[in-house]
Amino acid sequence: MYRTKIKELNQWRLSNHRKPLIFLGARQVGKTYLLREFGRTEYKQVAYVNFERPGAPKNLFEVDFNADRIFTVLNAYCNIKIEAENTLIIFDEIQAAPKGITSLKYLYEDSPQYHIIAAGSLLGVGIHPGEWFPVGKVDFMKLYPMSFYEFLLAMDETGIAELLEKKDLTNLNFFNKKLINYLRYYLYIGGMPEAVQNFVVNRDWQNVRKIQNQIITSYQNYFSKHAPNEILPRINMVWESIPAQLSKENKKFIYGVIREGARAKDFEMAIQWLTDAGLLHKVYNTSKASLPLVAHQELSAFKLFHNDVGLLGAMSHLNAKTIAEENVIFTEFKGSLTEQYVFQQLIQNESLSIFYHTFSNSKYELDFLIQNSEDEIIPVEVKSGESSKSNSFRLFCQKNNPEKAIRTSLADYKEESWMTNIPLYAVNSI
């Protein structure tokens, strides 16, 4: 299945300033598959090492950081002759190799001609005792679950996907019903590659749900294996509270939903663990709509989004029959799936800074307030249907008069004097 990150990987490969690349992402979002496919198509050979596998040379970097010795061991382990320009070296699950991350500094300084990618989960790429991070000596890249655009490509809708990539909103209107149908599919299936691939082959909703539940179970096992024992129960409590948190009318994270009387200090480490692992994402409230938005963020007020809308639906026990009911899936759980979907598409664009906004002394809340690379502040209102009524959105625009204002809903693309309606399926055009 095609992933758009392949373009960035090729840019890294061809760069004259290439450094070892740390490739980050939550577990099971497709990091290993993508890197091996990248190596297969763009290099003569791949030297692949998964340091979590039995027999892997986990102590490879503990002896010293001598590049000649390291590559000699890799030659033997991978049973190939590593050639700098023709070989992609993949250190998978590098967190399992002590001093593995530190070694990237010395490999870059002593042998910059080699193409090296180190992969691991966001939490897993941790620093072992006595180890330090090679600041300035590595490049970074993140992989997220498949976007709606990638989902369309997997469904063999290349023509419509091309219009979406070009942001040709006018011509996309001709395919509105078809795209909304695919969007219903995506809200249920999500972007985890295994679930998408299974649906492409089998068209079986129950198989998809089985795979999603297996992924959720594997995450929980991951907690038990890697999380500190003292916060493990709280990690599980935070994780299990996410469907309830996002199905509230006001989606601000409330500690009392986890447990009556719960306080921030009791759960902040658990939340940090889950966000470091890339399984949850924090979006802070910003008290003021002025540049830079980060200067006005309120660290005590935030929403927690899941890493995948399909997994959120599985945790919420969303029934597959909602797919067949006209647009019911968009309003399930007070539109939490729709808002999760929009966030999941926005985060793919790493040039965006994403916040939400609560009006002072008011019950009104703006779903998202984003700052782009051109320092434009753009309010984004998410509607779960075709209704255009939105007091908070209109009030924000009247008060702040933004140059751009976006409402995203099931309605067709339409420009008005004070805002633009962008269909939910084209959120990537923001």
Protein backbone atom coordinates (compact mmCIF):
# COMPACT_ATOMS: atom_id res chain seq x y z
CA MET A 1 0.00 0.00 0.00
CA TYR A 2 1.28 3.42 -0.94
CA ARG A 3 2.36 5.77 1.86
CA THR A 4 3.07 9.42 1.17
CA LYS A 5 6.13 9.34 3.46
CA ILE A 6 7.97 7.54 0.66
CA LYS A 7 8.45 10.97 -0.96
CA GLU A 8 10.13 12.33 2.16
CA LEU A 9 12.27 9.22 2.45
CA ASN A 10 13.50 9.76 -1.10
CA GLN A 11 14.24 13.39 -0.36
CA TRP A 12 16.33 12.21 2.59
CA ARG A 13 18.10 9.64 0.39
CA LEU A 14 19.06 12.25 -2.19
CA SER A 15 20.02 15.01 0.22
CA ASN A 16 23.58 16.29 0.24
CA HIS A 17 23.18 16.94 3.96
CA ARG A 18 21.77 13.53 4.87
CA LYS A 19 22.22 12.38 8.47
CA PRO A 20 21.16 9.10 10.09
CA LEU A 21 17.36 9.17 10.19
CA ILE A 22 15.30 8.38 13.28
CA PHE A 23 11.93 7.13 12.01
CA LEU A 24 9.26 7.48 14.67
CA GLY A 25 5.69 6.33 15.03
CA ALA A 26 3.35 4.35 17.26
CA ARG A 27 3.42 0.59 17.03
CA GLN A 28 1.70 -1.06 14.08
CA VAL A 29 1.36 2.07 11.94
CA GLY A 30 3.52 0.40 9.26
CA LYS A 31 7.06 1.65 9.96
CA THR A 32 8.88 -1.62 9.27
CA TYR A 33 6.90 -2.43 6.12
CA LEU A 34 7.46 1.03 4.67
CA LEU A 35 11.20 1.07 5.39
CA ARG A 36 11.76 -2.38 3.93
CA GLU A 37 9.73 -1.45 0.86
CA PHE A 38 11.75 1.75 0.54
CA GLY A 39 14.95 -0.28 0.71
CA ARG A 40 13.67 -2.83 -1.81
CA THR A 41 12.70 -0.24 -4.41
CA GLU A 42 15.45 2.37 -4.00
CA TYR A 43 18.56 0.41 -3.04
CA LYS A 44 20.52 -2.55 -4.32
CA GLN A 45 20.27 -4.28 -0.95
CA VAL A 46 19.04 -3.85 2.64
CA ALA A 47 20.90 -4.62 5.86
CA TYR A 48 18.03 -5.12 8.29
CA VAL A 49 18.43 -5.70 12.02
CA ASN A 50 15.55 -5.95 14.49
CA PHE A 51 17.18 -5.67 17.90
CA GLU A 52 14.17 -7.22 19.65
CA ARG A 53 14.58 -10.52 17.80
CA PRO A 54 16.36 -13.46 19.45
CA GLY A 55 19.93 -13.70 18.26
CA ALA A 56 20.18 -10.05 17.24
CA PRO A 57 23.51 -8.39 18.15
CA LYS A 58 22.06 -6.24 20.94
CA ASN A 59 25.50 -5.47 22.36
CA LEU A 60 26.78 -4.24 19.00
CA PHE A 61 27.36 -0.69 20.24
CA GLU A 62 28.53 -1.44 23.79
CA VAL A 63 32.06 -2.45 22.77
CA ASP A 64 32.87 0.83 21.03
CA PHE A 65 31.58 3.07 18.23
CA ASN A 66 34.16 2.07 15.65
CA ALA A 67 32.37 2.15 12.28
CA ASP A 68 34.58 -0.50 10.63
CA ARG A 69 33.91 -2.98 13.42
CA ILE A 70 30.17 -2.25 13.45
CA PHE A 71 29.83 -2.75 9.68
CA THR A 72 31.92 -5.94 9.84
CA VAL A 73 29.49 -7.41 12.37
CA LEU A 74 26.52 -6.28 10.28
CA ASN A 75 28.03 -7.93 7.18
CA ALA A 76 28.16 -11.23 9.04
CA TYR A 77 24.75 -10.94 10.66
CA CYS A 78 22.92 -9.86 7.48
CA ASN A 79 25.04 -12.10 5.23
CA ILE A 80 25.75 -9.30 2.76
CA LYS A 81 28.59 -6.95 1.85
CA ILE A 82 27.47 -3.47 2.87
CA GLU A 83 28.25 -0.84 0.23
CA ALA A 84 27.75 2.76 1.33
CA GLU A 85 25.79 4.09 -1.65
CA ASN A 86 23.89 0.90 -2.50
CA THR A 87 22.80 -0.38 0.91
CA LEU A 88 20.06 0.84 3.21
CA ILE A 89 20.91 0.00 6.82
CA ILE A 90 17.81 -0.35 9.03
CA PHE A 91 18.18 -0.54 12.81
CA ASP A 92 14.67 -1.57 13.84
CA GLU A 93 13.56 -1.34 17.48
CA ILE A 94 16.85 0.39 18.22
CA GLN A 95 15.71 1.08 21.78
CA ALA A 96 16.48 -2.59 22.55
CA ALA A 97 20.21 -2.05 21.80
CA PRO A 98 22.03 -0.18 24.60
CA LYS A 99 23.93 2.86 23.25
CA GLY A 100 22.31 2.32 19.85
CA ILE A 101 20.99 5.86 19.62
CA THR A 102 24.29 7.33 20.85
CA SER A 103 26.13 5.38 18.15
CA LEU A 104 24.33 7.37 15.43
CA LYS A 105 26.42 10.44 16.30
CA TYR A 106 29.70 8.61 15.70
CA LEU A 107 28.49 6.79 12.60
CA TYR A 108 27.48 10.17 11.14
CA GLU A 109 30.78 11.83 12.03
CA ASP A 110 33.03 8.96 10.93
CA SER A 111 31.03 7.46 8.04
CA PRO A 112 28.51 9.99 6.71
CA GLN A 113 28.36 8.22 3.34
CA TYR A 114 26.26 5.37 4.77
CA HIS A 115 22.45 5.45 4.59
CA ILE A 116 21.19 4.58 8.09
CA ILE A 117 17.63 4.60 9.44
CA ALA A 118 16.85 3.82 13.08
CA ALA A 119 13.21 2.96 13.81
CA GLY A 120 11.23 2.53 16.98
CA SER A 121 8.05 3.55 18.74
CA LEU A 122 7.92 7.06 20.14
CA LEU A 123 8.30 5.74 23.65
CA GLY A 124 10.63 2.91 22.72
CA VAL A 125 13.28 5.24 21.37
CA GLY A 126 14.26 6.01 24.93
CA ILE A 127 17.61 6.74 26.43
CA HIS A 128 19.29 3.97 28.39
CA PRO A 129 21.22 4.85 31.55
CA GLY A 130 24.57 6.37 30.62
CA GLU A 131 23.34 7.18 27.11
CA TRP A 132 22.62 10.55 25.53
CA PHE A 133 20.77 11.80 22.50
CA PRO A 134 22.79 12.84 19.42
CA VAL A 135 21.39 16.36 19.12
CA GLY A 136 22.15 17.89 15.72
CA LYS A 137 23.57 14.63 14.35
CA VAL A 138 20.34 12.97 13.20
CA ASP A 139 17.29 13.70 11.07
CA PHE A 140 13.73 12.90 12.18
CA MET A 141 10.59 11.68 10.47
CA LYS A 142 7.23 10.55 11.88
CA LEU A 143 4.74 8.06 10.49
CA TYR A 144 1.07 8.19 11.44
CA PRO A 145 -1.82 5.83 10.60
CA MET A 146 -2.95 5.99 6.99
CA SER A 147 -4.69 9.21 5.98
CA PHE A 148 -7.99 9.28 4.12
CA TYR A 149 -6.04 10.05 0.93
CA GLU A 150 -3.91 6.91 1.43
CA PHE A 151 -7.08 4.96 2.20
CA LEU A 152 -8.58 6.00 -1.15
CA LEU A 153 -5.43 4.83 -2.94
CA ALA A 154 -5.65 1.49 -1.14
CA MET A 155 -9.26 1.23 -2.35
CA ASP A 156 -7.98 1.72 -5.91
CA GLU A 157 -9.65 5.12 -6.27
CA THR A 158 -6.59 6.74 -7.82
CA GLY A 159 -8.52 9.26 -9.92
CA ILE A 160 -10.48 10.71 -7.02
CA ALA A 161 -7.38 10.55 -4.81
CA GLU A 162 -5.51 12.62 -7.39
CA LEU A 163 -8.19 15.33 -7.23
CA LEU A 164 -7.90 15.25 -3.45
CA GLU A 165 -4.12 15.57 -3.59
CA LYS A 166 -4.43 18.54 -5.98
CA LYS A 167 -7.06 20.09 -3.69
CA ASP A 168 -9.41 20.39 -6.64
CA LEU A 169 -12.46 21.00 -4.46
CA THR A 170 -14.73 22.14 -7.29
CA ASN A 171 -14.41 18.88 -9.24
CA LEU A 172 -14.53 16.80 -6.06
CA ASN A 173 -18.12 18.02 -5.62
CA PHE A 174 -19.10 15.70 -8.50
CA PHE A 175 -18.06 12.70 -6.37
CA ASN A 176 -19.61 13.91 -3.11
CA LYS A 177 -21.84 10.89 -2.45
CA LYS A 178 -19.11 8.40 -3.33
CA LEU A 179 -16.57 10.17 -1.13
CA ILE A 180 -18.96 10.37 1.82
CA ASN A 181 -19.54 6.64 1.45
CA TYR A 182 -15.80 5.99 1.58
CA LEU A 183 -15.54 8.36 4.51
CA ARG A 184 -18.09 6.25 6.41
CA TYR A 185 -15.88 3.26 5.70
CA TYR A 186 -12.80 5.10 6.93
CA LEU A 187 -14.44 6.18 10.19
CA TYR A 188 -15.04 2.50 10.97
CA ILE A 189 -11.84 0.98 9.54
CA GLY A 190 -9.43 3.77 10.40
CA GLY A 191 -5.88 3.98 9.16
CA MET A 192 -4.06 1.05 10.71
CA PRO A 193 -2.48 -0.64 7.66
CA GLU A 194 -3.35 -4.20 8.67
CA ALA A 195 -7.04 -3.34 9.06
CA VAL A 196 -7.10 -1.44 5.76
CA GLN A 197 -5.32 -4.19 3.85
CA ASN A 198 -7.66 -6.85 5.23
CA PHE A 199 -10.71 -4.85 4.17
CA VAL A 200 -9.29 -4.24 0.68
CA VAL A 201 -8.88 -8.01 0.21
CA ASN A 202 -11.90 -9.41 2.07
CA ARG A 203 -14.49 -6.60 2.44
CA ASP A 204 -15.34 -8.13 5.82
CA TRP A 205 -16.31 -5.72 8.61
CA GLN A 206 -16.03 -8.38 11.30
CA ASN A 207 -12.47 -9.22 10.27
CA VAL A 208 -11.60 -5.54 10.51
CA ARG A 209 -13.02 -5.34 14.03
CA LYS A 210 -11.14 -8.49 15.03
CA ILE A 211 -7.86 -6.98 13.82
CA GLN A 212 -8.57 -3.70 15.61
CA ASN A 213 -9.26 -5.52 18.87
CA GLN A 214 -6.04 -7.49 18.45
CA ILE A 215 -4.10 -4.23 18.01
CA ILE A 216 -5.74 -2.76 21.11
CA THR A 217 -4.82 -5.90 23.07
CA SER A 218 -1.24 -5.70 21.80
CA TYR A 219 -1.08 -2.09 22.98
CA GLN A 220 -2.25 -3.11 26.44
CA ASN A 221 0.35 -5.87 26.51
CA TYR A 222 2.89 -3.24 25.46
CA PHE A 223 1.90 -1.19 28.51
CA SER A 224 2.50 -4.17 30.79
CA LYS A 225 5.88 -4.93 29.24
CA HIS A 226 7.36 -1.45 29.03
CA ALA A 227 5.59 0.91 31.42
CA PRO A 228 6.91 1.54 34.94
CA ASN A 229 5.00 -0.65 37.39
CA GLU A 230 4.09 2.29 39.60
CA ILE A 231 2.05 4.02 36.86
CA LEU A 232 0.78 0.99 34.91
CA PRO A 233 -2.71 0.94 36.55
CA ARG A 234 -3.14 4.65 35.82
CA ILE A 235 -2.00 4.23 32.22
CA ASN A 236 -4.74 1.65 31.74
CA MET A 237 -7.30 3.92 33.40
CA VAL A 238 -6.43 6.88 31.16
CA TRP A 239 -6.43 4.69 28.06
CA GLU A 240 -9.82 3.17 28.85
CA SER A 241 -11.35 6.60 29.58
CA ILE A 242 -10.64 8.06 26.12
CA PRO A 243 -13.96 7.05 24.46
CA ALA A 244 -15.88 8.63 27.35
CA GLN A 245 -13.69 11.74 27.27
CA LEU A 246 -14.24 12.33 23.56
CA SER A 247 -17.97 11.57 23.59
CA LYS A 248 -18.67 14.48 25.96
CA GLU A 249 -20.21 17.67 24.56
CA ASN A 250 -17.17 19.53 25.87
CA LYS A 251 -14.23 17.33 24.94
CA LYS A 252 -11.74 18.93 27.32
CA PHE A 253 -10.00 16.21 29.30
CA ILE A 254 -11.66 15.82 32.70
CA TYR A 255 -9.79 13.82 35.33
CA GLY A 256 -13.04 13.06 37.13
CA VAL A 257 -14.13 10.91 34.17
CA ILE A 258 -11.28 8.53 35.01
CA ARG A 259 -12.14 8.28 38.67
CA GLU A 260 -14.16 10.38 41.07
CA GLY A 261 -11.89 12.82 42.85
CA ALA A 262 -8.95 12.21 40.49
CA ARG A 263 -6.40 15.02 40.27
CA ALA A 264 -3.92 16.07 37.62
CA LYS A 265 -0.87 15.11 39.67
CA ASP A 266 -2.20 11.54 39.98
CA PHE A 267 -2.36 10.96 36.22
CA GLU A 268 0.02 13.38 34.50
CA MET A 269 2.83 10.80 34.26
CA ALA A 270 0.46 8.21 32.79
CA ILE A 271 -0.77 10.70 30.19
CA GLN A 272 2.81 11.66 29.33
CA TRP A 273 3.72 7.98 28.85
CA LEU A 274 0.85 7.45 26.42
CA THR A 275 1.61 10.60 24.43
CA ASP A 276 5.32 9.74 24.28
CA ALA A 277 4.29 6.38 22.85
CA GLY A 278 2.29 8.13 20.12
CA LEU A 279 -0.90 6.39 21.21
CA LEU A 280 -2.59 9.58 22.37
CA HIS A 281 -2.13 13.20 21.27
CA LYS A 282 -2.55 16.33 23.37
CA VAL A 283 -4.21 19.41 21.91
CA TYR A 284 -4.02 22.40 24.25
CA ASN A 285 -6.48 25.21 24.68
CA THR A 286 -5.18 28.61 23.62
CA SER A 287 -6.64 31.55 25.48
CA LYS A 288 -5.88 34.13 22.82
CA ALA A 289 -6.04 34.08 19.01
CA SER A 290 -2.78 35.88 18.35
CA LEU A 291 0.70 34.89 17.18
CA PRO A 292 2.28 32.69 18.22
CA LEU A 293 -0.54 30.49 19.48
CA VAL A 294 1.85 28.42 21.56
CA ALA A 295 2.56 31.49 23.72
CA HIS A 296 -1.08 31.46 24.83
CA GLN A 297 -1.60 27.74 25.41
CA GLU A 298 -3.02 26.66 28.74
CA LEU A 299 -1.13 23.59 29.93
CA SER A 300 -3.91 22.62 32.33
CA ALA A 301 -6.62 22.61 29.65
CA PHE A 302 -6.32 20.08 26.84
CA LYS A 303 -8.06 17.44 24.77
CA LEU A 304 -6.63 13.96 24.32
CA PHE A 305 -7.13 12.44 20.88
CA HIS A 306 -6.58 8.80 19.97
CA ASN A 307 -3.95 7.82 17.42
CA ASP A 308 -6.58 6.20 15.13
CA VAL A 309 -10.28 6.74 14.54
CA GLY A 310 -10.86 3.05 13.78
CA LEU A 311 -9.34 1.97 17.09
CA LEU A 312 -11.40 4.63 18.87
CA GLY A 313 -14.54 3.15 17.29
CA ALA A 314 -13.51 -0.34 18.37
CA MET A 315 -12.93 0.82 21.95
CA SER A 316 -16.34 2.53 21.83
CA HIS A 317 -17.99 -0.70 20.58
CA LEU A 318 -19.26 0.98 17.43
CA ASN A 319 -21.50 -1.45 15.58
CA ALA A 320 -20.79 -2.11 11.89
CA LYS A 321 -24.47 -1.59 11.05
CA THR A 322 -23.94 2.17 11.45
CA ILE A 323 -22.05 2.04 8.13
CA ALA A 324 -25.30 1.18 6.35
CA GLU A 325 -27.36 3.85 8.12
CA GLU A 326 -27.30 7.15 6.24
CA ASN A 327 -24.60 9.28 7.86
CA VAL A 328 -25.42 8.05 11.39
CA ILE A 329 -21.75 7.24 11.95
CA PHE A 330 -20.86 10.95 11.75
CA THR A 331 -23.05 11.80 14.75
CA GLU A 332 -22.27 8.74 16.89
CA PHE A 333 -20.89 9.58 20.33
CA LYS A 334 -21.72 13.28 19.86
CA GLY A 335 -19.58 13.49 16.75
CA SER A 336 -16.41 12.31 18.52
CA LEU A 337 -15.43 10.09 15.58
CA THR A 338 -15.75 13.03 13.19
CA GLU A 339 -13.61 15.32 15.32
CA GLN A 340 -11.05 12.53 15.79
CA TYR A 341 -11.00 12.04 12.02
CA VAL A 342 -10.36 15.75 11.38
CA PHE A 343 -7.54 15.84 13.92
CA GLN A 344 -6.04 12.71 12.38
CA GLN A 345 -5.88 14.38 8.96
CA LEU A 346 -4.55 17.69 10.31
CA ILE A 347 -1.69 16.10 12.25
CA GLN A 348 -0.36 14.57 9.03
CA ASN A 349 0.66 18.12 8.07
CA GLU A 350 3.53 18.75 10.45
CA SER A 351 3.72 22.42 9.48
CA LEU A 352 0.50 23.06 11.40
CA SER A 353 0.35 23.97 15.07
CA ILE A 354 -2.98 22.62 16.34
CA PHE A 355 -4.94 24.02 19.31
CA TYR A 356 -8.54 24.58 20.32
CA HIS A 357 -10.02 27.76 21.72
CA THR A 358 -12.40 28.46 24.58
CA PHE A 359 -14.00 31.87 24.89
CA SER A 360 -13.35 33.61 28.19
CA ASN A 361 -16.38 33.72 30.48
CA SER A 362 -18.36 31.80 27.87
CA LYS A 363 -19.72 28.35 27.20
CA TYR A 364 -18.57 28.52 23.58
CA GLU A 365 -15.64 26.51 22.28
CA LEU A 366 -13.97 26.45 18.87
CA ASP A 367 -13.07 22.90 17.78
CA PHE A 368 -9.64 23.76 16.36
CA LEU A 369 -7.51 26.86 16.02
CA ILE A 370 -4.46 26.27 13.85
CA GLN A 371 -1.38 28.22 12.87
CA ASN A 372 0.19 27.35 9.53
CA SER A 373 3.70 27.83 8.14
CA GLU A 374 2.72 31.25 6.80
CA ASP A 375 1.71 32.36 10.30
CA GLU A 376 -1.96 32.49 9.43
CA ILE A 377 -4.35 31.75 12.29
CA ILE A 378 -7.27 29.70 10.97
CA PRO A 379 -10.37 28.76 12.98
CA VAL A 380 -11.77 25.33 12.08
CA GLU A 381 -15.29 24.26 13.00
CA VAL A 382 -16.20 20.58 12.67
CA LYS A 383 -19.82 19.75 11.88
CA SER A 384 -20.98 16.15 11.98
CA GLY A 385 -23.67 16.69 9.37
CA GLU A 386 -24.77 19.26 6.81
CA SER A 387 -26.15 21.75 9.34
CA SER A 388 -24.35 25.09 9.22
CA LYS A 389 -25.53 26.42 12.58
CA SER A 390 -22.51 27.20 14.74
CA ASN A 391 -22.68 29.95 17.36
CA SER A 392 -19.10 29.55 18.56
CA PHE A 393 -17.63 29.63 15.05
CA ARG A 394 -19.59 32.69 13.96
CA LEU A 395 -18.86 34.47 17.23
CA PHE A 396 -15.13 33.84 16.86
CA CYS A 397 -15.12 35.16 13.29
CA GLN A 398 -17.09 38.26 14.24
CA LYS A 399 -14.71 39.00 17.10
CA ASN A 400 -11.39 38.24 15.37
CA ASN A 401 -12.13 38.76 11.65
CA PRO A 402 -9.66 36.08 10.46
CA GLU A 403 -8.46 36.15 6.85
CA LYS A 404 -9.34 32.46 6.55
CA ALA A 405 -12.09 30.57 8.36
CA ILE A 406 -12.96 26.95 7.68
CA ARG A 407 -16.09 24.98 8.41
CA THR A 408 -15.84 21.30 7.53
CA SER A 409 -19.00 19.26 7.17
CA LEU A 410 -20.83 16.86 4.85
CA ALA A 411 -21.97 19.79 2.69
CA ASP A 412 -20.33 20.58 -0.66
CA TYR A 413 -17.41 22.92 -1.06
CA LYS A 414 -18.65 26.50 -0.92
CA GLU A 415 -17.01 29.86 -0.41
CA GLU A 416 -18.87 32.59 1.44
CA SER A 417 -17.80 36.12 2.29
CA TRP A 418 -16.64 35.27 5.81
CA MET A 419 -15.83 31.54 5.67
CA THR A 420 -15.29 28.53 3.41
CA ASN A 421 -17.10 25.22 3.80
CA ILE A 422 -14.78 22.32 3.02
CA PRO A 423 -16.26 18.81 2.83
CA LEU A 424 -15.00 16.46 5.55
CA TYR A 425 -13.41 14.22 2.94
CA ALA A 426 -11.20 17.15 1.81
CA VAL A 427 -9.90 18.26 5.20
CA ASN A 428 -6.36 17.75 3.87
CA SER A 429 -6.81 20.92 1.81
CA ILE A 430 -6.78 23.16 4.90
